[in-house]
Amino acid sequence: PAGLAWPVGAMACLALALVVAVRLVPQQRPGYDAFDHLLSNGCEAADFSPLAALAPARIMTPPGLGLQILSRRYPGIAVSTIPFHRSSPAISRLLATFMTTSPAERQAHLQAYDYVAFCRAPRDVPGLARLPLFEALLNDRPVAGLHAVLPPSAEGLAIYRIDPAALE
């Protein structure tokens, strides 16, 4: 038993030091920014019924939303991304679409789709300036070639029909 005093004491001191260190380090909540809202939000509580009224279509979606739409099995509806590694090129295209300030680049990214959909986010979410298309649509500003299918709302699902002829 005397031989165990040293290892047990050392472990107790180490545990105490760890507890003190954890309490001294300020706890910060991870920031949830515009990219998180765009990519992760699946609109789980939203009304998806407007999708049933769409003709067969390809929809550019963020991964979280794409998975929600796919799980509901609307006939003829195809989504661009789901949260799996095979969607990496489409996720990259989605981000480029929402990040670009070039109308020609946006048109090139959107031309293969009939609709773009996303989950609404707070209008003052940090990092929104880095996603100009997201910022414009969240603030109900018109974007050439995109026409709202649903009336604007503060939260929930947003669907825009893409008019390729009107895209700049």
N, C-alpha and C. Protein backbone atom coordinates (compact mmCIF):
# COMPACT_ATOMS: atom_id res chain seq x y z
N PRO A 1 0.80 -1.20 0.00
CA PRO A 1 0.00 0.00 0.00
C PRO A 1 0.85 1.27 0.00
N ALA A 2 2.02 1.24 0.70
CA ALA A 2 2.86 2.44 0.72
C ALA A 2 3.40 2.73 -0.67
N GLY A 3 3.61 1.70 -1.47
CA GLY A 3 4.11 1.88 -2.83
C GLY A 3 3.08 2.49 -3.76
N LEU A 4 1.81 2.44 -3.40
CA LEU A 4 0.74 3.00 -4.24
C LEU A 4 0.48 4.48 -3.93
N ALA A 5 0.98 4.96 -2.84
CA ALA A 5 0.73 6.35 -2.44
C ALA A 5 1.24 7.33 -3.48
N TRP A 6 2.42 7.10 -3.97
CA TRP A 6 3.01 8.02 -4.95
C TRP A 6 2.19 8.05 -6.25
N PRO A 7 1.88 6.93 -6.91
CA PRO A 7 1.09 6.99 -8.15
C PRO A 7 -0.32 7.53 -7.93
N VAL A 8 -0.97 7.14 -6.82
CA VAL A 8 -2.32 7.63 -6.55
C VAL A 8 -2.29 9.13 -6.30
N GLY A 9 -1.33 9.60 -5.56
CA GLY A 9 -1.19 11.04 -5.29
C GLY A 9 -0.92 11.82 -6.57
N ALA A 10 -0.08 11.27 -7.42
CA ALA A 10 0.23 11.94 -8.68
C ALA A 10 -1.02 12.04 -9.56
N MET A 11 -1.80 10.97 -9.61
CA MET A 11 -3.03 10.98 -10.41
C MET A 11 -4.04 11.98 -9.84
N ALA A 12 -4.14 12.05 -8.52
CA ALA A 12 -5.06 12.99 -7.88
C ALA A 12 -4.64 14.43 -8.20
N CYS A 13 -3.34 14.71 -8.13
CA CYS A 13 -2.85 16.06 -8.44
C CYS A 13 -3.10 16.40 -9.91
N LEU A 14 -2.89 15.44 -10.78
CA LEU A 14 -3.13 15.66 -12.20
C LEU A 14 -4.62 15.93 -12.46
N ALA A 15 -5.49 15.17 -11.83
CA ALA A 15 -6.93 15.37 -12.00
C ALA A 15 -7.35 16.75 -11.47
N LEU A 16 -6.81 17.13 -10.32
CA LEU A 16 -7.12 18.43 -9.74
C LEU A 16 -6.63 19.55 -10.66
N ALA A 17 -5.44 19.41 -11.19
CA ALA A 17 -4.89 20.42 -12.10
C ALA A 17 -5.75 20.54 -13.36
N LEU A 18 -6.24 19.42 -13.87
CA LEU A 18 -7.08 19.44 -15.06
C LEU A 18 -8.41 20.14 -14.77
N VAL A 19 -9.01 19.87 -13.63
CA VAL A 19 -10.27 20.52 -13.25
C VAL A 19 -10.06 22.02 -13.12
N VAL A 20 -8.98 22.44 -12.49
CA VAL A 20 -8.70 23.87 -12.32
C VAL A 20 -8.46 24.52 -13.67
N ALA A 21 -7.71 23.87 -14.54
CA ALA A 21 -7.41 24.43 -15.87
C ALA A 21 -8.68 24.60 -16.69
N VAL A 22 -9.57 23.63 -16.64
CA VAL A 22 -10.82 23.71 -17.40
C VAL A 22 -11.67 24.87 -16.90
N ARG A 23 -11.68 25.08 -15.60
CA ARG A 23 -12.48 26.18 -15.04
C ARG A 23 -11.87 27.55 -15.31
N LEU A 24 -10.56 27.62 -15.45
CA LEU A 24 -9.89 28.90 -15.69
C LEU A 24 -9.97 29.34 -17.15
N VAL A 25 -10.06 28.40 -18.06
CA VAL A 25 -10.13 28.74 -19.48
C VAL A 25 -11.55 29.22 -19.77
N PRO A 26 -11.67 30.43 -20.33
CA PRO A 26 -13.02 30.93 -20.61
C PRO A 26 -13.74 30.04 -21.62
N GLN A 27 -15.00 29.75 -21.31
CA GLN A 27 -15.80 28.91 -22.20
C GLN A 27 -16.43 29.79 -23.27
N GLN A 28 -16.14 29.46 -24.51
CA GLN A 28 -16.73 30.20 -25.62
C GLN A 28 -17.59 29.25 -26.43
N ARG A 29 -18.76 29.72 -26.75
CA ARG A 29 -19.63 28.93 -27.60
C ARG A 29 -19.13 29.07 -29.03
N PRO A 30 -19.13 28.00 -29.78
CA PRO A 30 -18.68 28.13 -31.16
C PRO A 30 -19.60 29.07 -31.92
N GLY A 31 -19.02 29.87 -32.78
CA GLY A 31 -19.82 30.82 -33.56
C GLY A 31 -20.63 30.10 -34.62
N TYR A 32 -21.86 30.49 -34.78
CA TYR A 32 -22.73 29.93 -35.80
C TYR A 32 -22.94 31.05 -36.81
N ASP A 33 -22.29 30.93 -37.97
CA ASP A 33 -22.33 32.04 -38.91
C ASP A 33 -23.19 31.72 -40.13
N ALA A 34 -23.15 32.61 -41.11
CA ALA A 34 -23.99 32.46 -42.30
C ALA A 34 -23.69 31.17 -43.05
N PHE A 35 -22.43 30.77 -43.10
CA PHE A 35 -22.08 29.52 -43.78
C PHE A 35 -22.72 28.33 -43.07
N ASP A 36 -22.71 28.34 -41.73
CA ASP A 36 -23.35 27.27 -40.97
C ASP A 36 -24.85 27.21 -41.27
N HIS A 37 -25.49 28.37 -41.29
CA HIS A 37 -26.93 28.42 -41.58
C HIS A 37 -27.20 27.89 -42.98
N LEU A 38 -26.41 28.33 -43.93
CA LEU A 38 -26.64 27.92 -45.32
C LEU A 38 -26.43 26.42 -45.49
N LEU A 39 -25.33 25.90 -44.98
CA LEU A 39 -24.95 24.52 -45.27
C LEU A 39 -25.63 23.48 -44.37
N SER A 40 -25.86 23.81 -43.12
CA SER A 40 -26.32 22.80 -42.16
C SER A 40 -27.81 22.80 -41.90
N ASN A 41 -28.46 23.93 -42.03
CA ASN A 41 -29.87 24.02 -41.69
C ASN A 41 -30.69 23.21 -42.68
N GLY A 42 -31.47 22.29 -42.17
CA GLY A 42 -32.30 21.46 -43.02
C GLY A 42 -33.77 21.83 -43.00
N CYS A 43 -34.13 22.91 -42.35
CA CYS A 43 -35.53 23.35 -42.25
C CYS A 43 -36.42 22.22 -41.75
N GLU A 44 -35.95 21.49 -40.77
CA GLU A 44 -36.67 20.30 -40.30
C GLU A 44 -38.13 20.58 -39.94
N ALA A 45 -38.42 21.76 -39.42
CA ALA A 45 -39.79 22.08 -38.99
C ALA A 45 -40.60 22.80 -40.07
N ALA A 46 -40.02 23.01 -41.24
CA ALA A 46 -40.69 23.78 -42.29
C ALA A 46 -41.78 22.97 -42.98
N ASP A 47 -42.64 23.67 -43.67
CA ASP A 47 -43.68 23.06 -44.49
C ASP A 47 -43.08 22.79 -45.87
N PHE A 48 -42.92 21.53 -46.21
CA PHE A 48 -42.33 21.14 -47.49
C PHE A 48 -43.39 20.89 -48.56
N SER A 49 -44.66 21.06 -48.25
CA SER A 49 -45.73 20.74 -49.20
C SER A 49 -45.64 21.51 -50.52
N PRO A 50 -45.10 22.73 -50.58
CA PRO A 50 -45.00 23.40 -51.88
C PRO A 50 -44.15 22.62 -52.90
N LEU A 51 -43.27 21.77 -52.42
CA LEU A 51 -42.46 20.99 -53.34
C LEU A 51 -43.30 19.98 -54.12
N ALA A 52 -44.39 19.52 -53.53
CA ALA A 52 -45.25 18.55 -54.20
C ALA A 52 -45.91 19.15 -55.43
N ALA A 53 -46.05 20.47 -55.46
CA ALA A 53 -46.70 21.13 -56.59
C ALA A 53 -45.74 21.41 -57.74
N LEU A 54 -44.45 21.21 -57.52
CA LEU A 54 -43.47 21.48 -58.58
C LEU A 54 -43.47 20.35 -59.61
N ALA A 55 -43.30 20.73 -60.85
CA ALA A 55 -43.10 19.73 -61.90
C ALA A 55 -41.73 19.11 -61.66
N PRO A 56 -41.45 17.98 -62.29
CA PRO A 56 -40.10 17.41 -62.13
C PRO A 56 -39.04 18.48 -62.35
N ALA A 57 -38.10 18.55 -61.42
CA ALA A 57 -37.13 19.65 -61.46
C ALA A 57 -35.84 19.27 -60.76
N ARG A 58 -34.79 20.00 -61.13
CA ARG A 58 -33.50 19.92 -60.43
C ARG A 58 -33.40 21.16 -59.54
N ILE A 59 -33.13 20.93 -58.26
CA ILE A 59 -33.07 22.04 -57.31
C ILE A 59 -31.67 22.14 -56.73
N MET A 60 -31.07 23.33 -56.83
CA MET A 60 -29.80 23.57 -56.15
C MET A 60 -30.12 23.77 -54.68
N THR A 61 -29.59 22.90 -53.84
CA THR A 61 -29.88 22.96 -52.41
C THR A 61 -28.59 22.86 -51.61
N PRO A 62 -28.57 23.45 -50.43
CA PRO A 62 -27.49 23.16 -49.49
C PRO A 62 -27.62 21.71 -49.01
N PRO A 63 -26.56 21.12 -48.49
CA PRO A 63 -26.60 19.70 -48.11
C PRO A 63 -27.66 19.34 -47.08
N GLY A 64 -27.80 20.14 -46.03
CA GLY A 64 -28.79 19.82 -44.99
C GLY A 64 -30.20 19.81 -45.54
N LEU A 65 -30.52 20.78 -46.37
CA LEU A 65 -31.85 20.86 -46.97
C LEU A 65 -32.03 19.76 -48.02
N GLY A 66 -30.99 19.50 -48.78
CA GLY A 66 -31.08 18.45 -49.80
C GLY A 66 -31.47 17.12 -49.20
N LEU A 67 -30.89 16.79 -48.06
CA LEU A 67 -31.21 15.53 -47.40
C LEU A 67 -32.66 15.51 -46.93
N GLN A 68 -33.16 16.63 -46.42
CA GLN A 68 -34.56 16.71 -45.97
C GLN A 68 -35.52 16.52 -47.15
N ILE A 69 -35.22 17.16 -48.27
CA ILE A 69 -36.08 17.03 -49.45
C ILE A 69 -36.03 15.60 -49.98
N LEU A 70 -34.84 15.06 -50.07
CA LEU A 70 -34.67 13.70 -50.58
C LEU A 70 -35.41 12.68 -49.72
N SER A 71 -35.39 12.87 -48.42
CA SER A 71 -36.05 11.92 -47.52
C SER A 71 -37.58 11.94 -47.66
N ARG A 72 -38.12 13.01 -48.22
CA ARG A 72 -39.57 13.11 -48.39
C ARG A 72 -40.04 12.50 -49.71
N ARG A 73 -39.14 12.17 -50.59
CA ARG A 73 -39.41 11.43 -51.83
C ARG A 73 -40.47 12.07 -52.72
N TYR A 74 -40.22 13.30 -53.15
CA TYR A 74 -41.12 13.94 -54.10
C TYR A 74 -40.77 13.42 -55.49
N PRO A 75 -41.75 12.86 -56.20
CA PRO A 75 -41.47 12.31 -57.53
C PRO A 75 -40.91 13.37 -58.48
N GLY A 76 -39.84 13.03 -59.16
CA GLY A 76 -39.26 13.92 -60.16
C GLY A 76 -38.40 15.04 -59.61
N ILE A 77 -38.27 15.16 -58.30
CA ILE A 77 -37.46 16.22 -57.70
C ILE A 77 -36.06 15.67 -57.42
N ALA A 78 -35.06 16.32 -57.99
CA ALA A 78 -33.66 15.95 -57.76
C ALA A 78 -32.97 17.12 -57.06
N VAL A 79 -32.16 16.82 -56.07
CA VAL A 79 -31.43 17.85 -55.34
C VAL A 79 -29.96 17.79 -55.72
N SER A 80 -29.29 18.93 -55.57
CA SER A 80 -27.88 19.00 -55.98
C SER A 80 -26.93 18.42 -54.96
N THR A 81 -27.23 18.60 -53.68
CA THR A 81 -26.28 18.16 -52.66
C THR A 81 -26.97 17.50 -51.48
N ILE A 82 -26.23 16.61 -50.87
CA ILE A 82 -26.58 16.00 -49.59
C ILE A 82 -25.28 15.96 -48.79
N PRO A 83 -25.33 15.80 -47.48
CA PRO A 83 -24.10 15.89 -46.68
C PRO A 83 -23.24 14.62 -46.73
N PHE A 84 -22.76 14.29 -47.91
CA PHE A 84 -21.85 13.16 -48.10
C PHE A 84 -20.72 13.59 -49.00
N HIS A 85 -19.58 12.92 -48.89
CA HIS A 85 -18.39 13.35 -49.62
C HIS A 85 -18.59 13.36 -51.14
N ARG A 86 -19.44 12.52 -51.65
CA ARG A 86 -19.66 12.50 -53.10
C ARG A 86 -20.32 13.78 -53.62
N SER A 87 -20.89 14.55 -52.72
CA SER A 87 -21.51 15.82 -53.10
C SER A 87 -20.52 16.98 -53.08
N SER A 88 -19.28 16.71 -52.80
CA SER A 88 -18.28 17.79 -52.68
C SER A 88 -18.26 18.74 -53.87
N PRO A 89 -18.25 18.25 -55.12
CA PRO A 89 -18.25 19.20 -56.24
C PRO A 89 -19.50 20.09 -56.26
N ALA A 90 -20.65 19.50 -55.95
CA ALA A 90 -21.89 20.28 -55.95
C ALA A 90 -21.93 21.27 -54.78
N ILE A 91 -21.38 20.88 -53.64
CA ILE A 91 -21.31 21.81 -52.50
C ILE A 91 -20.41 22.98 -52.85
N SER A 92 -19.30 22.68 -53.51
CA SER A 92 -18.39 23.74 -53.95
C SER A 92 -19.10 24.69 -54.92
N ARG A 93 -19.88 24.14 -55.84
CA ARG A 93 -20.64 24.95 -56.80
C ARG A 93 -21.67 25.81 -56.08
N LEU A 94 -22.36 25.23 -55.09
CA LEU A 94 -23.34 25.98 -54.30
C LEU A 94 -22.67 27.17 -53.61
N LEU A 95 -21.54 26.91 -52.96
CA LEU A 95 -20.83 27.99 -52.27
C LEU A 95 -20.36 29.06 -53.25
N ALA A 96 -19.84 28.64 -54.39
CA ALA A 96 -19.41 29.62 -55.40
C ALA A 96 -20.59 30.46 -55.87
N THR A 97 -21.75 29.85 -56.02
CA THR A 97 -22.95 30.58 -56.44
C THR A 97 -23.35 31.63 -55.42
N PHE A 98 -23.34 31.26 -54.16
CA PHE A 98 -23.76 32.19 -53.11
C PHE A 98 -22.68 33.21 -52.75
N MET A 99 -21.41 32.90 -53.07
CA MET A 99 -20.32 33.81 -52.70
C MET A 99 -19.94 34.80 -53.81
N THR A 100 -20.24 34.47 -55.05
CA THR A 100 -19.77 35.32 -56.14
C THR A 100 -20.51 36.65 -56.20
N THR A 101 -19.81 37.64 -56.70
CA THR A 101 -20.42 38.93 -56.99
C THR A 101 -20.56 39.10 -58.50
N SER A 102 -20.12 38.10 -59.25
CA SER A 102 -20.17 38.15 -60.71
C SER A 102 -21.47 37.52 -61.22
N PRO A 103 -22.33 38.32 -61.85
CA PRO A 103 -23.56 37.76 -62.41
C PRO A 103 -23.29 36.65 -63.44
N ALA A 104 -22.25 36.79 -64.23
CA ALA A 104 -21.93 35.78 -65.24
C ALA A 104 -21.53 34.46 -64.58
N GLU A 105 -20.76 34.54 -63.52
CA GLU A 105 -20.36 33.33 -62.80
C GLU A 105 -21.58 32.69 -62.14
N ARG A 106 -22.44 33.49 -61.54
CA ARG A 106 -23.66 32.96 -60.92
C ARG A 106 -24.52 32.26 -61.97
N GLN A 107 -24.66 32.88 -63.14
CA GLN A 107 -25.45 32.29 -64.22
C GLN A 107 -24.87 30.93 -64.62
N ALA A 108 -23.55 30.85 -64.73
CA ALA A 108 -22.91 29.60 -65.11
C ALA A 108 -23.19 28.49 -64.10
N HIS A 109 -23.22 28.85 -62.82
CA HIS A 109 -23.48 27.85 -61.77
C HIS A 109 -24.94 27.43 -61.72
N LEU A 110 -25.85 28.34 -62.03
CA LEU A 110 -27.28 28.06 -61.91
C LEU A 110 -27.91 27.45 -63.16
N GLN A 111 -27.24 27.51 -64.27
CA GLN A 111 -27.88 27.12 -65.54
C GLN A 111 -28.35 25.67 -65.60
N ALA A 112 -27.78 24.79 -64.81
CA ALA A 112 -28.19 23.38 -64.84
C ALA A 112 -29.40 23.09 -63.94
N TYR A 113 -29.94 24.10 -63.27
CA TYR A 113 -31.01 23.89 -62.29
C TYR A 113 -32.27 24.66 -62.67
N ASP A 114 -33.38 24.17 -62.13
CA ASP A 114 -34.67 24.83 -62.33
C ASP A 114 -35.04 25.74 -61.16
N TYR A 115 -34.55 25.37 -59.96
CA TYR A 115 -34.86 26.11 -58.75
C TYR A 115 -33.61 26.17 -57.87
N VAL A 116 -33.60 27.14 -56.99
CA VAL A 116 -32.63 27.18 -55.90
C VAL A 116 -33.44 27.28 -54.62
N ALA A 117 -33.06 26.50 -53.61
CA ALA A 117 -33.80 26.49 -52.35
C ALA A 117 -32.80 26.53 -51.20
N PHE A 118 -33.23 27.12 -50.10
CA PHE A 118 -32.40 27.18 -48.90
C PHE A 118 -33.32 27.44 -47.71
N CYS A 119 -32.76 27.33 -46.53
CA CYS A 119 -33.50 27.63 -45.31
C CYS A 119 -33.18 29.07 -44.91
N ARG A 120 -34.20 29.80 -44.57
CA ARG A 120 -33.98 31.19 -44.15
C ARG A 120 -33.16 31.23 -42.87
N ALA A 121 -32.45 32.32 -42.69
CA ALA A 121 -31.59 32.54 -41.53
C ALA A 121 -31.85 33.96 -41.03
N PRO A 122 -31.39 34.26 -39.82
CA PRO A 122 -31.53 35.65 -39.34
C PRO A 122 -30.82 36.61 -40.29
N ARG A 123 -31.42 37.75 -40.50
CA ARG A 123 -30.85 38.73 -41.44
C ARG A 123 -29.57 39.37 -40.93
N ASP A 124 -29.28 39.20 -39.65
CA ASP A 124 -28.07 39.81 -39.08
C ASP A 124 -27.03 38.77 -38.67
N VAL A 125 -27.11 37.56 -39.24
CA VAL A 125 -26.18 36.50 -38.88
C VAL A 125 -24.76 36.90 -39.30
N PRO A 126 -23.76 36.65 -38.45
CA PRO A 126 -22.38 37.01 -38.80
C PRO A 126 -21.93 36.30 -40.08
N GLY A 127 -21.12 36.99 -40.86
CA GLY A 127 -20.54 36.42 -42.07
C GLY A 127 -21.42 36.52 -43.30
N LEU A 128 -22.56 37.15 -43.18
CA LEU A 128 -23.50 37.23 -44.31
C LEU A 128 -22.91 38.01 -45.48
N ALA A 129 -22.07 38.97 -45.21
CA ALA A 129 -21.47 39.78 -46.28
C ALA A 129 -20.62 38.93 -47.22
N ARG A 130 -20.15 37.78 -46.75
CA ARG A 130 -19.33 36.90 -47.60
C ARG A 130 -20.20 36.03 -48.51
N LEU A 131 -21.50 36.09 -48.34
CA LEU A 131 -22.45 35.33 -49.16
C LEU A 131 -23.46 36.31 -49.76
N PRO A 132 -23.04 37.10 -50.77
CA PRO A 132 -23.92 38.17 -51.27
C PRO A 132 -25.28 37.71 -51.78
N LEU A 133 -25.35 36.54 -52.42
CA LEU A 133 -26.65 36.07 -52.89
C LEU A 133 -27.56 35.72 -51.72
N PHE A 134 -27.03 35.06 -50.72
CA PHE A 134 -27.78 34.72 -49.52
C PHE A 134 -28.28 36.00 -48.84
N GLU A 135 -27.40 36.98 -48.72
CA GLU A 135 -27.77 38.25 -48.09
C GLU A 135 -28.89 38.94 -48.86
N ALA A 136 -28.79 38.99 -50.18
CA ALA A 136 -29.81 39.66 -50.99
C ALA A 136 -31.17 38.96 -50.83
N LEU A 137 -31.17 37.63 -50.91
CA LEU A 137 -32.43 36.90 -50.83
C LEU A 137 -33.03 36.94 -49.43
N LEU A 138 -32.19 36.89 -48.40
CA LEU A 138 -32.71 36.99 -47.02
C LEU A 138 -33.35 38.35 -46.77
N ASN A 139 -32.82 39.37 -47.43
CA ASN A 139 -33.34 40.73 -47.25
C ASN A 139 -34.37 41.10 -48.31
N ASP A 140 -34.86 40.08 -49.02
CA ASP A 140 -35.93 40.25 -50.01
C ASP A 140 -35.59 41.26 -51.10
N ARG A 141 -34.30 41.34 -51.45
CA ARG A 141 -33.90 42.19 -52.56
C ARG A 141 -33.99 41.39 -53.85
N PRO A 142 -34.46 41.99 -54.92
CA PRO A 142 -34.58 41.25 -56.18
C PRO A 142 -33.21 40.84 -56.72
N VAL A 143 -33.16 39.65 -57.29
CA VAL A 143 -31.96 39.14 -57.95
C VAL A 143 -32.39 38.72 -59.35
N ALA A 144 -31.74 39.25 -60.35
CA ALA A 144 -32.10 38.97 -61.74
C ALA A 144 -32.12 37.46 -61.98
N GLY A 145 -33.21 36.99 -62.54
CA GLY A 145 -33.33 35.58 -62.90
C GLY A 145 -33.86 34.67 -61.80
N LEU A 146 -34.09 35.20 -60.61
CA LEU A 146 -34.63 34.39 -59.51
C LEU A 146 -35.98 34.97 -59.09
N HIS A 147 -36.99 34.10 -59.08
CA HIS A 147 -38.35 34.52 -58.74
C HIS A 147 -38.87 33.67 -57.59
N ALA A 148 -39.30 34.31 -56.52
CA ALA A 148 -39.77 33.60 -55.33
C ALA A 148 -40.99 32.75 -55.65
N VAL A 149 -40.94 31.49 -55.24
CA VAL A 149 -42.07 30.58 -55.38
C VAL A 149 -42.98 30.71 -54.16
N LEU A 150 -42.36 30.93 -53.01
CA LEU A 150 -43.09 31.12 -51.76
C LEU A 150 -43.00 32.58 -51.34
N PRO A 151 -44.00 33.09 -50.67
CA PRO A 151 -43.89 34.47 -50.20
C PRO A 151 -42.74 34.58 -49.19
N PRO A 152 -42.02 35.71 -49.20
CA PRO A 152 -40.92 35.87 -48.25
C PRO A 152 -41.40 35.74 -46.81
N SER A 153 -40.60 35.09 -45.98
CA SER A 153 -40.92 34.96 -44.57
C SER A 153 -39.63 35.07 -43.78
N ALA A 154 -39.76 35.27 -42.49
CA ALA A 154 -38.58 35.44 -41.64
C ALA A 154 -37.84 34.11 -41.42
N GLU A 155 -38.55 33.00 -41.52
CA GLU A 155 -37.91 31.71 -41.30
C GLU A 155 -38.57 30.67 -42.18
N GLY A 156 -37.97 29.52 -42.25
CA GLY A 156 -38.53 28.43 -43.03
C GLY A 156 -37.88 28.26 -44.38
N LEU A 157 -38.56 27.57 -45.23
CA LEU A 157 -38.06 27.20 -46.54
C LEU A 157 -38.21 28.35 -47.53
N ALA A 158 -37.18 28.57 -48.34
CA ALA A 158 -37.22 29.56 -49.42
C ALA A 158 -36.95 28.82 -50.72
N ILE A 159 -37.80 29.03 -51.71
CA ILE A 159 -37.63 28.41 -53.03
C ILE A 159 -37.74 29.51 -54.08
N TYR A 160 -36.76 29.54 -54.99
CA TYR A 160 -36.75 30.50 -56.08
C TYR A 160 -36.68 29.76 -57.41
N ARG A 161 -37.58 30.12 -58.32
CA ARG A 161 -37.53 29.57 -59.67
C ARG A 161 -36.44 30.31 -60.45
N ILE A 162 -35.66 29.57 -61.20
CA ILE A 162 -34.58 30.16 -61.98
C ILE A 162 -35.08 30.39 -63.40
N ASP A 163 -35.00 31.63 -63.84
CA ASP A 163 -35.34 31.99 -65.21
C ASP A 163 -34.03 32.21 -65.96
N PRO A 164 -33.56 31.19 -66.69
CA PRO A 164 -32.24 31.29 -67.33
C PRO A 164 -32.12 32.49 -68.27
N ALA A 165 -33.19 32.86 -68.92
CA ALA A 165 -33.13 33.99 -69.86
C ALA A 165 -32.93 35.33 -69.14
N ALA A 166 -33.35 35.40 -67.88
CA ALA A 166 -33.25 36.65 -67.14
C ALA A 166 -32.01 36.72 -66.24
N LEU A 167 -31.28 35.61 -66.13
CA LEU A 167 -30.05 35.65 -65.32
C LEU A 167 -29.05 36.58 -65.97
N GLU A 168 -28.39 37.36 -65.18
CA GLU A 168 -27.36 38.26 -65.71
C GLU A 168 -26.02 37.59 -65.60
